[in-house]
Amino acid sequence: MSGLYAGTVVRALDWPPSASASNSTAQTDVSNIAFATGSPVVAVTITAPTSGRVKVEVSGLIRDNTGDNRGILAFEVYEGTSAAGTKVVAAAVRANSMTSIGEASDYMSHGRATLVEGLTPGGLYYVRLVQAVSGGTTVDILNRSLIVYPVS
């Protein structure tokens, strides 16, 4: 969308619709330290805008069952309409995740927004939530949510 000025015709691809998915199924005793999807999988398929940029928001409620670990929600982006495509954005603790407070023994709401750039305009992408725990014990996660917005 760079180079759009007053009077420029805006095409549908310049601003495709947002996409969102959420699920309230409790993810109890999450113990994996490597990122994995929850059950059910929370995911959307999007069309990249002409800018090649989208904002991805992840959120959820997390509690630590022992008061010494952090729950982590992040996202991954794949080319195509499923996780069988090429991964273009990997889940990363510091880059595109939100992390709970380790001492939170009751549910706390957490969220994070991340700008993703370099998508192929008009291309289809599959975006999904993944989750993990920072250490040796477990966390519980509720109300996982994923929203993807096109941006200029």
C-alpha atoms as a PDB file:
ATOM      1  CA  MET A   1       0.000   0.000   0.000  1.00  0.00           C
ATOM      2  CA  SER A   2       2.986   2.312  -0.064  1.00  0.00           C
ATOM      3  CA  GLY A   3       2.562   5.064  -2.588  1.00  0.00           C
ATOM      4  CA  LEU A   4      -1.182   5.473  -2.034  1.00  0.00           C
ATOM      5  CA  TYR A   5      -2.079   9.120  -2.122  1.00  0.00           C
ATOM      6  CA  ALA A   6      -5.304  11.131  -1.926  1.00  0.00           C
ATOM      7  CA  GLY A   7      -7.486  10.116  -4.853  1.00  0.00           C
ATOM      8  CA  THR A   8      -5.767   6.745  -5.389  1.00  0.00           C
ATOM      9  CA  VAL A   9      -8.192   3.889  -6.016  1.00  0.00           C
ATOM     10  CA  VAL A  10      -8.045   1.387  -3.153  1.00  0.00           C
ATOM     11  CA  ARG A  11      -8.555  -2.245  -4.195  1.00  0.00           C
ATOM     12  CA  ALA A  12     -10.132  -4.981  -2.074  1.00  0.00           C
ATOM     13  CA  LEU A  13      -6.755  -6.680  -1.666  1.00  0.00           C
ATOM     14  CA  ASP A  14      -5.372  -3.498  -0.100  1.00  0.00           C
ATOM     15  CA  TRP A  15      -7.541  -4.131   2.934  1.00  0.00           C
ATOM     16  CA  PRO A  16      -8.728  -7.768   3.279  1.00  0.00           C
ATOM     17  CA  PRO A  17     -10.927  -8.631   6.270  1.00  0.00           C
ATOM     18  CA  SER A  18      -9.569  -9.263   9.750  1.00  0.00           C
ATOM     19  CA  ALA A  19      -9.730 -12.813  11.080  1.00  0.00           C
ATOM     20  CA  SER A  20     -10.178 -14.090  14.617  1.00  0.00           C
ATOM     21  CA  ALA A  21     -10.540 -17.347  16.504  1.00  0.00           C
ATOM     22  CA  SER A  22     -10.907 -18.161  20.173  1.00  0.00           C
ATOM     23  CA  ASN A  23     -11.676 -21.068  22.436  1.00  0.00           C
ATOM     24  CA  SER A  24     -12.586 -21.282  26.111  1.00  0.00           C
ATOM     25  CA  THR A  25     -11.662 -24.955  26.612  1.00  0.00           C
ATOM     26  CA  ALA A  26      -9.390 -25.192  29.661  1.00  0.00           C
ATOM     27  CA  GLN A  27      -5.829 -26.200  28.854  1.00  0.00           C
ATOM     28  CA  THR A  28      -4.972 -27.853  32.170  1.00  0.00           C
ATOM     29  CA  ASP A  29      -1.585 -29.016  33.393  1.00  0.00           C
ATOM     30  CA  VAL A  30       0.317 -27.721  30.367  1.00  0.00           C
ATOM     31  CA  SER A  31       3.840 -29.063  30.896  1.00  0.00           C
ATOM     32  CA  ASN A  32       5.565 -28.930  27.487  1.00  0.00           C
ATOM     33  CA  ILE A  33       8.589 -26.645  27.306  1.00  0.00           C
ATOM     34  CA  ALA A  34       8.581 -26.793  23.481  1.00  0.00           C
ATOM     35  CA  PHE A  35       5.777 -24.909  21.742  1.00  0.00           C
ATOM     36  CA  ALA A  36       2.754 -27.051  20.837  1.00  0.00           C
ATOM     37  CA  THR A  37      -0.857 -26.400  19.889  1.00  0.00           C
ATOM     38  CA  GLY A  38      -3.583 -26.759  22.466  1.00  0.00           C
ATOM     39  CA  SER A  39      -6.723 -28.786  21.948  1.00  0.00           C
ATOM     40  CA  PRO A  40      -8.672 -27.663  20.076  1.00  0.00           C
ATOM     41  CA  VAL A  41      -6.308 -25.744  17.823  1.00  0.00           C
ATOM     42  CA  VAL A  42      -6.988 -21.988  17.656  1.00  0.00           C
ATOM     43  CA  ALA A  43      -6.121 -20.816  14.127  1.00  0.00           C
ATOM     44  CA  VAL A  44      -7.182 -18.615  11.215  1.00  0.00           C
ATOM     45  CA  THR A  45      -6.423 -18.378   7.507  1.00  0.00           C
ATOM     46  CA  ILE A  46      -5.782 -14.890   6.147  1.00  0.00           C
ATOM     47  CA  THR A  47      -5.060 -13.169   2.852  1.00  0.00           C
ATOM     48  CA  ALA A  48      -2.038 -10.881   3.108  1.00  0.00           C
ATOM     49  CA  PRO A  49      -2.787  -7.240   2.233  1.00  0.00           C
ATOM     50  CA  THR A  50      -0.801  -5.409  -0.442  1.00  0.00           C
ATOM     51  CA  SER A  51       1.374  -3.930   2.324  1.00  0.00           C
ATOM     52  CA  GLY A  52       2.553  -7.443   3.265  1.00  0.00           C
ATOM     53  CA  ARG A  53       2.012  -6.483   6.919  1.00  0.00           C
ATOM     54  CA  VAL A  54      -0.444  -7.689   9.563  1.00  0.00           C
ATOM     55  CA  LYS A  55      -0.862  -7.153  13.287  1.00  0.00           C
ATOM     56  CA  VAL A  56      -1.302 -10.370  15.286  1.00  0.00           C
ATOM     57  CA  GLU A  57      -2.832 -10.245  18.771  1.00  0.00           C
ATOM     58  CA  VAL A  58      -2.712 -13.189  21.174  1.00  0.00           C
ATOM     59  CA  SER A  59      -4.381 -13.281  24.576  1.00  0.00           C
ATOM     60  CA  GLY A  60      -5.489 -15.626  27.301  1.00  0.00           C
ATOM     61  CA  LEU A  61      -5.863 -16.250  31.017  1.00  0.00           C
ATOM     62  CA  ILE A  62      -2.938 -18.090  32.618  1.00  0.00           C
ATOM     63  CA  ARG A  63      -2.188 -19.353  36.114  1.00  0.00           C
ATOM     64  CA  ASP A  64       0.866 -21.142  37.448  1.00  0.00           C
ATOM     65  CA  ASN A  65       0.079 -24.271  39.416  1.00  0.00           C
ATOM     66  CA  THR A  66       3.196 -24.081  41.605  1.00  0.00           C
ATOM     67  CA  GLY A  67       4.115 -20.387  41.655  1.00  0.00           C
ATOM     68  CA  ASP A  68       7.484 -20.726  39.955  1.00  0.00           C
ATOM     69  CA  ASN A  69       6.923 -21.045  36.183  1.00  0.00           C
ATOM     70  CA  ARG A  70       5.554 -18.934  33.380  1.00  0.00           C
ATOM     71  CA  GLY A  71       2.876 -19.875  30.878  1.00  0.00           C
ATOM     72  CA  ILE A  72       3.597 -18.769  27.323  1.00  0.00           C
ATOM     73  CA  LEU A  73       1.193 -18.144  24.422  1.00  0.00           C
ATOM     74  CA  ALA A  74       2.683 -17.380  21.015  1.00  0.00           C
ATOM     75  CA  PHE A  75       1.803 -17.716  17.344  1.00  0.00           C
ATOM     76  CA  GLU A  76       3.229 -19.298  14.226  1.00  0.00           C
ATOM     77  CA  VAL A  77       2.606 -18.277  10.607  1.00  0.00           C
ATOM     78  CA  TYR A  78       2.681 -20.722   7.679  1.00  0.00           C
ATOM     79  CA  GLU A  79       2.281 -20.221   3.940  1.00  0.00           C
ATOM     80  CA  GLY A  80      -0.970 -21.731   2.686  1.00  0.00           C
ATOM     81  CA  THR A  81      -4.046 -22.889   4.557  1.00  0.00           C
ATOM     82  CA  SER A  82      -2.540 -25.320   7.089  1.00  0.00           C
ATOM     83  CA  ALA A  83       0.550 -26.049   9.171  1.00  0.00           C
ATOM     84  CA  ALA A  84       1.738 -28.282   6.311  1.00  0.00           C
ATOM     85  CA  GLY A  85       2.978 -25.155   4.516  1.00  0.00           C
ATOM     86  CA  THR A  86       6.367 -23.495   4.944  1.00  0.00           C
ATOM     87  CA  LYS A  87       6.747 -21.835   8.345  1.00  0.00           C
ATOM     88  CA  VAL A  88       7.470 -18.129   7.860  1.00  0.00           C
ATOM     89  CA  VAL A  89       7.201 -16.966  11.483  1.00  0.00           C
ATOM     90  CA  ALA A  90       8.247 -19.294  14.285  1.00  0.00           C
ATOM     91  CA  ALA A  91       7.045 -19.002  17.864  1.00  0.00           C
ATOM     92  CA  ALA A  92       9.653 -17.199  19.943  1.00  0.00           C
ATOM     93  CA  VAL A  93       9.604 -16.341  23.624  1.00  0.00           C
ATOM     94  CA  ARG A  94      10.834 -12.773  23.233  1.00  0.00           C
ATOM     95  CA  ALA A  95       9.712 -11.916  19.704  1.00  0.00           C
ATOM     96  CA  ASN A  96       6.040 -12.861  19.407  1.00  0.00           C
ATOM     97  CA  SER A  97       4.764 -14.320  22.643  1.00  0.00           C
ATOM     98  CA  MET A  98       3.082 -13.193  25.794  1.00  0.00           C
ATOM     99  CA  THR A  99       4.238 -14.625  29.071  1.00  0.00           C
ATOM    100  CA  SER A 100       2.519 -14.834  32.434  1.00  0.00           C
ATOM    101  CA  ILE A 101       3.995 -13.852  35.771  1.00  0.00           C
ATOM    102  CA  GLY A 102       5.629 -16.876  37.382  1.00  0.00           C
ATOM    103  CA  GLU A 103       4.130 -16.230  40.794  1.00  0.00           C
ATOM    104  CA  ALA A 104       0.533 -15.945  39.494  1.00  0.00           C
ATOM    105  CA  SER A 105      -1.326 -18.732  41.304  1.00  0.00           C
ATOM    106  CA  ASP A 106      -4.691 -17.333  40.170  1.00  0.00           C
ATOM    107  CA  TYR A 107      -5.741 -16.629  36.594  1.00  0.00           C
ATOM    108  CA  MET A 108      -4.421 -13.364  35.150  1.00  0.00           C
ATOM    109  CA  SER A 109      -5.327 -11.937  31.755  1.00  0.00           C
ATOM    110  CA  HIS A 110      -2.426 -11.398  29.367  1.00  0.00           C
ATOM    111  CA  GLY A 111      -2.113 -10.197  25.782  1.00  0.00           C
ATOM    112  CA  ARG A 112       0.374  -9.063  23.182  1.00  0.00           C
ATOM    113  CA  ALA A 113       0.312  -7.525  19.718  1.00  0.00           C
ATOM    114  CA  THR A 114       3.082  -8.120  17.179  1.00  0.00           C
ATOM    115  CA  LEU A 115       3.657  -6.629  13.724  1.00  0.00           C
ATOM    116  CA  VAL A 116       4.458  -9.251  11.072  1.00  0.00           C
ATOM    117  CA  GLU A 117       6.091  -7.949   7.890  1.00  0.00           C
ATOM    118  CA  GLY A 118       7.288  -9.451   4.629  1.00  0.00           C
ATOM    119  CA  LEU A 119       4.185 -11.446   3.685  1.00  0.00           C
ATOM    120  CA  THR A 120       3.503 -11.890  -0.025  1.00  0.00           C
ATOM    121  CA  PRO A 121       0.621  -9.580  -1.005  1.00  0.00           C
ATOM    122  CA  GLY A 122      -2.453 -11.646  -1.864  1.00  0.00           C
ATOM    123  CA  GLY A 123      -0.894 -14.799  -0.446  1.00  0.00           C
ATOM    124  CA  LEU A 124      -2.793 -17.123   1.883  1.00  0.00           C
ATOM    125  CA  TYR A 125      -1.355 -17.678   5.358  1.00  0.00           C
ATOM    126  CA  TYR A 126      -2.302 -19.955   8.245  1.00  0.00           C
ATOM    127  CA  VAL A 127      -1.789 -18.415  11.696  1.00  0.00           C
ATOM    128  CA  ARG A 128      -2.134 -20.542  14.838  1.00  0.00           C
ATOM    129  CA  LEU A 129      -1.654 -20.257  18.587  1.00  0.00           C
ATOM    130  CA  VAL A 130       0.916 -22.389  20.360  1.00  0.00           C
ATOM    131  CA  GLN A 131       1.624 -22.707  24.069  1.00  0.00           C
ATOM    132  CA  ALA A 132       4.396 -23.778  26.417  1.00  0.00           C
ATOM    133  CA  VAL A 133       5.610 -23.520  29.993  1.00  0.00           C
ATOM    134  CA  SER A 134       8.947 -22.043  31.073  1.00  0.00           C
ATOM    135  CA  GLY A 135      10.046 -24.815  33.408  1.00  0.00           C
ATOM    136  CA  GLY A 136       9.472 -28.104  35.093  1.00  0.00           C
ATOM    137  CA  THR A 137       5.928 -27.821  36.445  1.00  0.00           C
ATOM    138  CA  THR A 138       2.538 -26.964  34.970  1.00  0.00           C
ATOM    139  CA  VAL A 139       0.284 -24.042  34.099  1.00  0.00           C
ATOM    140  CA  ASP A 140      -3.398 -23.784  33.181  1.00  0.00           C
ATOM    141  CA  ILE A 141      -4.622 -21.618  30.284  1.00  0.00           C
ATOM    142  CA  LEU A 142      -8.169 -20.392  29.575  1.00  0.00           C
ATOM    143  CA  ASN A 143      -9.854 -18.283  26.886  1.00  0.00           C
ATOM    144  CA  ARG A 144      -7.157 -18.441  24.218  1.00  0.00           C
ATOM    145  CA  SER A 145      -7.698 -15.818  21.525  1.00  0.00           C
ATOM    146  CA  LEU A 146      -6.062 -14.902  18.216  1.00  0.00           C
ATOM    147  CA  ILE A 147      -6.862 -11.846  16.062  1.00  0.00           C
ATOM    148  CA  VAL A 148      -5.103 -10.892  12.808  1.00  0.00           C
ATOM    149  CA  TYR A 149      -5.575  -7.411  11.293  1.00  0.00           C
ATOM    150  CA  PRO A 150      -4.248  -6.092   7.969  1.00  0.00           C
ATOM    151  CA  VAL A 151      -2.156  -2.931   8.394  1.00  0.00           C
ATOM    152  CA  SER A 152      -0.686  -0.388   5.996  1.00  0.00           C
END
